PDB file of N, CA and C in Angstrom:
ATOM      1  N   UNK A   1     -22.967 -80.985  66.796  1.00  0.00           N
ATOM      2  CA  UNK A   1     -21.905 -79.679  66.464  1.00  0.00           C
ATOM      3  C   UNK A   1     -21.356 -79.421  67.779  1.00  0.00           C
ATOM      4  N   UNK A   2     -19.942 -78.870  67.935  1.00  0.00           N
ATOM      5  CA  UNK A   2     -19.447 -78.792  68.982  1.00  0.00           C
ATOM      6  C   UNK A   2     -19.897 -77.653  69.644  1.00  0.00           C
ATOM      7  N   UNK A   3     -20.183 -77.441  70.965  1.00  0.00           N
ATOM      8  CA  UNK A   3     -20.404 -76.024  71.872  1.00  0.00           C
ATOM      9  C   UNK A   3     -19.162 -75.413  71.636  1.00  0.00           C
ATOM     10  N   UNK A   4     -19.400 -74.430  71.028  1.00  0.00           N
ATOM     11  CA  UNK A   4     -18.066 -73.508  70.729  1.00  0.00           C
ATOM     12  C   UNK A   4     -18.530 -72.097  70.732  1.00  0.00           C
ATOM     13  N   UNK A   5     -19.956 -71.837  70.695  1.00  0.00           N
ATOM     14  CA  UNK A   5     -20.364 -70.623  70.644  1.00  0.00           C
ATOM     15  C   UNK A   5     -20.794 -70.015  69.198  1.00  0.00           C
ATOM     16  N   UNK A   6     -20.952 -71.103  68.361  1.00  0.00           N
ATOM     17  CA  UNK A   6     -21.318 -70.695  66.786  1.00  0.00           C
ATOM     18  C   UNK A   6     -22.344 -70.015  66.814  1.00  0.00           C
ATOM     19  N   UNK A   7     -22.680 -68.966  66.127  1.00  0.00           N
ATOM     20  CA  UNK A   7     -23.703 -68.369  65.480  1.00  0.00           C
ATOM     21  C   UNK A   7     -24.583 -68.978  64.455  1.00  0.00           C
ATOM     22  N   UNK A   8     -25.708 -69.371  64.688  1.00  0.00           N
ATOM     23  CA  UNK A   8     -26.659 -69.899  63.688  1.00  0.00           C
ATOM     24  C   UNK A   8     -27.932 -69.225  63.199  1.00  0.00           C
ATOM     25  N   UNK A   9     -28.316 -69.638  61.905  1.00  0.00           N
ATOM     26  CA  UNK A   9     -29.619 -68.997  61.295  1.00  0.00           C
ATOM     27  C   UNK A   9     -30.687 -69.746  62.249  1.00  0.00           C
ATOM     28  N   UNK A  10     -31.806 -68.923  62.313  1.00  0.00           N
ATOM     29  CA  UNK A  10     -32.883 -69.445  63.049  1.00  0.00           C
ATOM     30  C   UNK A  10     -33.715 -70.227  61.907  1.00  0.00           C
ATOM     31  N   UNK A  11     -33.817 -69.770  60.863  1.00  0.00           N
ATOM     32  CA  UNK A  11     -34.657 -70.281  59.808  1.00  0.00           C
ATOM     33  C   UNK A  11     -34.061 -71.845  59.644  1.00  0.00           C
ATOM     34  N   UNK A  12     -32.866 -72.081  59.735  1.00  0.00           N
ATOM     35  CA  UNK A  12     -32.152 -73.483  59.578  1.00  0.00           C
ATOM     36  C   UNK A  12     -32.200 -74.120  60.794  1.00  0.00           C
ATOM     37  N   UNK A  13     -32.874 -73.903  62.050  1.00  0.00           N
ATOM     38  CA  UNK A  13     -32.280 -74.574  62.960  1.00  0.00           C
ATOM     39  C   UNK A  13     -33.484 -73.998  64.140  1.00  0.00           C
ATOM     40  N   UNK A  14     -34.791 -73.627  63.466  1.00  0.00           N
ATOM     41  CA  UNK A  14     -35.909 -73.478  64.457  1.00  0.00           C
ATOM     42  C   UNK A  14     -36.242 -74.203  65.866  1.00  0.00           C
ATOM     43  N   UNK A  15     -36.152 -75.615  65.885  1.00  0.00           N
ATOM     44  CA  UNK A  15     -36.535 -76.348  66.935  1.00  0.00           C
ATOM     45  C   UNK A  15     -35.360 -76.246  68.067  1.00  0.00           C
ATOM     46  N   UNK A  16     -33.896 -76.101  67.461  1.00  0.00           N
ATOM     47  CA  UNK A  16     -32.891 -75.919  68.693  1.00  0.00           C
ATOM     48  C   UNK A  16     -33.199 -74.129  69.271  1.00  0.00           C
ATOM     49  N   UNK A  17     -33.525 -73.300  68.216  1.00  0.00           N
ATOM     50  CA  UNK A  17     -33.995 -72.085  68.551  1.00  0.00           C
ATOM     51  C   UNK A  17     -34.805 -71.863  69.546  1.00  0.00           C
ATOM     52  N   UNK A  18     -35.947 -72.747  69.540  1.00  0.00           N
ATOM     53  CA  UNK A  18     -37.305 -72.838  70.463  1.00  0.00           C
ATOM     54  C   UNK A  18     -36.658 -73.275  71.811  1.00  0.00           C
ATOM     55  N   UNK A  19     -35.478 -74.023  71.886  1.00  0.00           N
ATOM     56  CA  UNK A  19     -35.322 -74.640  73.086  1.00  0.00           C
ATOM     57  C   UNK A  19     -34.106 -73.592  73.914  1.00  0.00           C
ATOM     58  N   UNK A  20     -33.315 -72.881  72.964  1.00  0.00           N
ATOM     59  CA  UNK A  20     -32.363 -71.962  73.706  1.00  0.00           C
ATOM     60  C   UNK A  20     -32.556 -70.620  73.565  1.00  0.00           C
ATOM     61  N   UNK A  21     -33.466 -70.045  72.520  1.00  0.00           N
ATOM     62  CA  UNK A  21     -33.519 -68.798  72.480  1.00  0.00           C
ATOM     63  C   UNK A  21     -32.485 -68.112  71.948  1.00  0.00           C
ATOM     64  N   UNK A  22     -32.082 -66.626  72.725  1.00  0.00           N
ATOM     65  CA  UNK A  22     -30.497 -66.135  72.251  1.00  0.00           C
ATOM     66  C   UNK A  22     -30.079 -65.927  73.750  1.00  0.00           C
ATOM     67  N   UNK A  23     -30.353 -66.652  74.274  1.00  0.00           N
ATOM     68  CA  UNK A  23     -29.411 -66.644  76.053  1.00  0.00           C
ATOM     69  C   UNK A  23     -27.992 -66.568  75.630  1.00  0.00           C
ATOM     70  N   UNK A  24     -27.539 -67.142  74.383  1.00  0.00           N
ATOM     71  CA  UNK A  24     -26.156 -67.271  74.364  1.00  0.00           C
ATOM     72  C   UNK A  24     -25.689 -66.375  73.210  1.00  0.00           C
ATOM     73  N   UNK A  25     -26.468 -65.706  72.635  1.00  0.00           N
ATOM     74  CA  UNK A  25     -26.075 -64.674  71.781  1.00  0.00           C
ATOM     75  C   UNK A  25     -26.791 -64.636  70.413  1.00  0.00           C
ATOM     76  N   UNK A  26     -26.476 -63.790  69.465  1.00  0.00           N
ATOM     77  CA  UNK A  26     -27.259 -63.502  68.296  1.00  0.00           C
ATOM     78  C   UNK A  26     -28.435 -62.656  68.341  1.00  0.00           C
ATOM     79  N   UNK A  27     -28.934 -62.119  67.443  1.00  0.00           N
ATOM     80  CA  UNK A  27     -29.743 -60.951  67.623  1.00  0.00           C
ATOM     81  C   UNK A  27     -31.445 -61.541  68.252  1.00  0.00           C
ATOM     82  N   UNK A  28     -31.634 -62.809  67.908  1.00  0.00           N
ATOM     83  CA  UNK A  28     -33.138 -63.350  68.382  1.00  0.00           C
ATOM     84  C   UNK A  28     -34.065 -63.066  67.521  1.00  0.00           C
ATOM     85  N   UNK A  29     -33.475 -62.412  66.014  1.00  0.00           N
ATOM     86  CA  UNK A  29     -34.560 -62.523  65.101  1.00  0.00           C
ATOM     87  C   UNK A  29     -34.134 -62.947  63.793  1.00  0.00           C
ATOM     88  N   UNK A  30     -32.999 -63.318  63.807  1.00  0.00           N
ATOM     89  CA  UNK A  30     -32.503 -63.875  62.264  1.00  0.00           C
ATOM     90  C   UNK A  30     -31.273 -64.945  63.178  1.00  0.00           C
ATOM     91  N   UNK A  31     -30.713 -64.609  63.968  1.00  0.00           N
ATOM     92  CA  UNK A  31     -29.741 -65.533  64.559  1.00  0.00           C
ATOM     93  C   UNK A  31     -29.952 -65.783  65.992  1.00  0.00           C
ATOM     94  N   UNK A  32     -28.972 -67.142  66.551  1.00  0.00           N
ATOM     95  CA  UNK A  32     -28.970 -67.257  67.853  1.00  0.00           C
ATOM     96  C   UNK A  32     -27.557 -68.031  67.862  1.00  0.00           C
ATOM     97  N   UNK A  33     -26.933 -68.093  69.197  1.00  0.00           N
ATOM     98  CA  UNK A  33     -25.760 -68.889  69.315  1.00  0.00           C
ATOM     99  C   UNK A  33     -25.916 -70.020  70.434  1.00  0.00           C
ATOM    100  N   UNK A  34     -25.200 -70.832  70.380  1.00  0.00           N
ATOM    101  CA  UNK A  34     -25.307 -72.325  71.090  1.00  0.00           C
ATOM    102  C   UNK A  34     -23.855 -72.026  72.222  1.00  0.00           C
ATOM    103  N   UNK A  35     -24.183 -72.277  73.256  1.00  0.00           N
ATOM    104  CA  UNK A  35     -23.055 -72.339  74.411  1.00  0.00           C
ATOM    105  C   UNK A  35     -21.542 -72.287  73.903  1.00  0.00           C
ATOM    106  N   UNK A  36     -20.773 -71.787  74.327  1.00  0.00           N
ATOM    107  CA  UNK A  36     -19.357 -71.611  74.387  1.00  0.00           C
ATOM    108  C   UNK A  36     -18.901 -72.670  75.696  1.00  0.00           C
ATOM    109  N   UNK A  37     -18.941 -73.742  75.362  1.00  0.00           N
ATOM    110  CA  UNK A  37     -18.177 -74.692  76.585  1.00  0.00           C
ATOM    111  C   UNK A  37     -16.621 -75.285  76.593  1.00  0.00           C
ATOM    112  N   UNK A  38     -16.240 -74.485  75.428  1.00  0.00           N
ATOM    113  CA  UNK A  38     -14.814 -74.760  75.224  1.00  0.00           C
ATOM    114  C   UNK A  38     -13.754 -74.657  76.469  1.00  0.00           C
ATOM    115  N   UNK A  39     -13.141 -75.297  76.515  1.00  0.00           N
ATOM    116  CA  UNK A  39     -12.152 -75.176  77.901  1.00  0.00           C
ATOM    117  C   UNK A  39     -12.895 -75.392  79.129  1.00  0.00           C
ATOM    118  N   UNK A  40     -14.221 -76.040  79.190  1.00  0.00           N
ATOM    119  CA  UNK A  40     -14.493 -76.282  80.337  1.00  0.00           C
ATOM    120  C   UNK A  40     -14.798 -77.948  80.456  1.00  0.00           C
ATOM    121  N   UNK A  41     -14.403 -78.816  79.639  1.00  0.00           N
ATOM    122  CA  UNK A  41     -14.193 -79.857  79.690  1.00  0.00           C
ATOM    123  C   UNK A  41     -13.351 -80.549  80.600  1.00  0.00           C
ATOM    124  N   UNK A  42     -14.102 -81.818  81.387  1.00  0.00           N
ATOM    125  CA  UNK A  42     -13.572 -82.356  82.487  1.00  0.00           C
ATOM    126  C   UNK A  42     -11.954 -82.837  81.907  1.00  0.00           C
ATOM    127  N   UNK A  43     -11.921 -83.359  80.621  1.00  0.00           N
ATOM    128  CA  UNK A  43     -10.813 -83.978  80.051  1.00  0.00           C
ATOM    129  C   UNK A  43     -10.700 -83.227  78.802  1.00  0.00           C
ATOM    130  N   UNK A  44      -9.227 -82.855  78.833  1.00  0.00           N
ATOM    131  CA  UNK A  44      -8.870 -81.882  77.507  1.00  0.00           C
ATOM    132  C   UNK A  44      -9.164 -82.449  76.330  1.00  0.00           C
ATOM    133  N   UNK A  45      -9.285 -83.874  76.051  1.00  0.00           N
ATOM    134  CA  UNK A  45      -9.283 -84.509  75.101  1.00  0.00           C
ATOM    135  C   UNK A  45     -10.897 -84.992  74.724  1.00  0.00           C
ATOM    136  N   UNK A  46     -11.802 -84.259  75.398  1.00  0.00           N
ATOM    137  CA  UNK A  46     -13.099 -84.419  74.789  1.00  0.00           C
ATOM    138  C   UNK A  46     -13.676 -83.242  74.771  1.00  0.00           C
ATOM    139  N   UNK A  47     -14.857 -83.159  74.234  1.00  0.00           N
ATOM    140  CA  UNK A  47     -15.690 -82.099  73.719  1.00  0.00           C
ATOM    141  C   UNK A  47     -17.183 -82.339  74.337  1.00  0.00           C
ATOM    142  N   UNK A  48     -18.095 -80.847  74.431  1.00  0.00           N
ATOM    143  CA  UNK A  48     -19.171 -80.950  74.427  1.00  0.00           C
ATOM    144  C   UNK A  48     -20.038 -80.820  73.130  1.00  0.00           C
ATOM    145  N   UNK A  49     -20.937 -81.632  72.919  1.00  0.00           N
ATOM    146  CA  UNK A  49     -21.782 -81.310  71.462  1.00  0.00           C
ATOM    147  C   UNK A  49     -23.251 -81.026  71.870  1.00  0.00           C
ATOM    148  N   UNK A  50     -23.762 -80.723  70.822  1.00  0.00           N
ATOM    149  CA  UNK A  50     -25.278 -80.236  70.830  1.00  0.00           C
ATOM    150  C   UNK A  50     -25.825 -80.839  69.890  1.00  0.00           C
ATOM    151  N   UNK A  51     -26.755 -81.597  69.885  1.00  0.00           N
ATOM    152  CA  UNK A  51     -27.672 -82.096  68.904  1.00  0.00           C
ATOM    153  C   UNK A  51     -28.542 -81.208  68.054  1.00  0.00           C
ATOM    154  N   UNK A  52     -28.326 -81.022  66.488  1.00  0.00           N
ATOM    155  CA  UNK A  52     -28.814 -80.101  65.895  1.00  0.00           C
ATOM    156  C   UNK A  52     -29.975 -80.934  65.020  1.00  0.00           C
ATOM    157  N   UNK A  53     -30.355 -81.963  64.957  1.00  0.00           N
ATOM    158  CA  UNK A  53     -30.994 -82.982  64.361  1.00  0.00           C
ATOM    159  C   UNK A  53     -31.885 -83.742  65.222  1.00  0.00           C
ATOM    160  N   UNK A  54     -32.952 -84.286  64.968  1.00  0.00           N
ATOM    161  CA  UNK A  54     -33.733 -85.271  65.611  1.00  0.00           C
ATOM    162  C   UNK A  54     -35.078 -84.751  65.787  1.00  0.00           C
ATOM    163  N   UNK A  55     -35.668 -85.295  66.892  1.00  0.00           N
ATOM    164  CA  UNK A  55     -37.055 -85.238  67.277  1.00  0.00           C
ATOM    165  C   UNK A  55     -37.292 -83.865  68.022  1.00  0.00           C
ATOM    166  N   UNK A  56     -38.058 -83.043  67.924  1.00  0.00           N
ATOM    167  CA  UNK A  56     -38.416 -81.955  68.709  1.00  0.00           C
ATOM    168  C   UNK A  56     -39.629 -82.244  69.840  1.00  0.00           C
ATOM    169  N   UNK A  57     -38.862 -82.103  71.066  1.00  0.00           N
ATOM    170  CA  UNK A  57     -39.915 -83.097  71.908  1.00  0.00           C
ATOM    171  C   UNK A  57     -41.178 -82.125  72.425  1.00  0.00           C
ATOM    172  N   UNK A  58     -42.353 -82.719  72.339  1.00  0.00           N
ATOM    173  CA  UNK A  58     -43.504 -82.478  72.630  1.00  0.00           C
ATOM    174  C   UNK A  58     -43.623 -81.822  74.017  1.00  0.00           C
ATOM    175  N   UNK A  59     -44.393 -80.717  74.121  1.00  0.00           N
ATOM    176  CA  UNK A  59     -44.525 -80.176  75.856  1.00  0.00           C
ATOM    177  C   UNK A  59     -45.982 -80.089  75.851  1.00  0.00           C
ATOM    178  N   UNK A  60     -46.372 -80.464  77.265  1.00  0.00           N
ATOM    179  CA  UNK A  60     -47.929 -80.111  77.554  1.00  0.00           C
ATOM    180  C   UNK A  60     -48.069 -78.688  77.747  1.00  0.00           C
TER     181      UNK A  60
END
């Protein structure tokens, strides 16, 4: 998913919320946001993306 500040539902993205929290927006109860990195790309033809699926890393 492109990092453009989208607001997501926590219930549908629990692992990503566990990593980001609501530091980039959202209410922290039902929603959170991913960072908005639009315009900060080193090359205008590229985008920053964040994974929304995969294996949640285990922590000690």
